[in-house]
Amino acid sequence: MKVLVTGITGFAGSWLVDYLLTLPGIKIFGIKRWRSRTENIEHFEDRIAFYECDLRDASSVRDTIEQVKPDRIFHLAAQSFVPTSWHAPTETLETNILGEVNIFEAVKRIKINPGIQIAGSSEEYGFVKPEELPIKETNPLRPLSPYGVSKVGQDMLAYQYFMSYGLNIVRTRGFNHTGPRRPPVFVCSEFAHQIVEIEKGKRQPIIWVGNLNAVRDFTDVRDMVKGYWLALEKGQPGEVYNICSGKGIKIKDILSKLLNISEVKVEIKKDPKKLRPSDVQVLVGDSTKFRKATGWKPEIPIEKTFEDLLNF
C-alpha cells in the first residue's frame, strides 16, 4: 500500500509516519517544501520517499500525485496556528483551502480514487452554547477565527467533492492534541518551554500567559494519529468524525500539572499580546460516533503526555 502524507515535517505528520512505520506492507511518501524544517523527520528520512511540492501550486500537486499514485492520502499540511490567522488571514485561507482543492482536482484528473483523510479541527465549532456540550458532529459550525473558517472551508469542500465526484474522503475533526515535537507557540509546549528555561536559569521565574480560563479537550498526539489511520481503515467515506478524549481541562490546570512535574516556583503574569480578538471559551467533544465506527480510544494519560513534553 502506498501512503502519501502532506505536512510530514510537522508535528502530527511526523508522528503519523512514526506510527505508519510500525505497520506492515506500507510504502510511505511525504510532501515537503525546500524551506521546511527537518528536525522532526531526521530519524526516519532514509526510510521514506520525499517529493518537493508546494500544495498551493496545482501543477506541482498534480505531478506529485501522478508520480506516486497513492492508495491513501493523509492531508495534514496547514497553517495551523490560530493567532497567526488573524495576522495573515489571506495566507491561512489560501494555504488551507486552495491546497486541498489542488489535491482533489489532481486525484480527479488523474482518475484515481484513493482514501483521503482530511484533518479538520474542533475550531470549526467555534462559539458553542452550554447546552450543546459535549459537542457532537451535528453541532452548528460557528468559527471564531480565520483559521476556524479555513477549516470549515476544507470540511465543506471535502463533503462537496465526495457528493459531486464520489471521492473517498473521510473528514476528521480533531480536538486539541499535544506532545513532544509540538512547536513552542502552542499553549502546552509554550508553558513547557518557559518552565524548562526557568529550570536552566535562562529566564526569570515568571510564566507569561493568555486566557487561563478557556477549557479544552486534549488528546496525546500519538493517540490522535492512530485515529487518523483508523478513519480510513474503518470510517465511511463522506462521514465526519470527532476525535477527542471527551474530557475538558482548563488551561490554568494544564499549567498547574506542568509546574507540579517540574517543581519550579514561579510567578504567573498575563501577557495582553497572548489574548485573542475572539476566543472560544469551551471546546469539549463527543467522540461516540468515531469510537463506535473504529474502536478507537485514547490510551496515553494526559499526565504522561505532559511529562514527555517537558522531557522533550
Foldseek 3Di string as FASTA:
>chain_A
DEEEEEPCQADLNLLLVVVVVVDPDYAYEYEDAPPRDRPSPPVCPVRHHYDHAQLLDLVRLLVVCLVRVGQEYEYDDAPPDQQVCVVPVPVRLSRLQSSLVSNLVSCVVSVHAHAYEYEAALLQQFADDPVCPPPDPPHDGDHDTSNSVSRVNSVVVQLVCCVPPVHQYEYEHEWAEAFPRHDLVDLLLVLLVLLVCVVVVNDAQEAEDADQQAKTFYAYSSLVSVLSVLCRVFNGGSYYFYDTQQDIDGNVVSSVLLCVVSVDDGHYDYDHVNYDPDDRRYHGHDGVVSCVRRVGHGDDDVSNRSVRSNVD
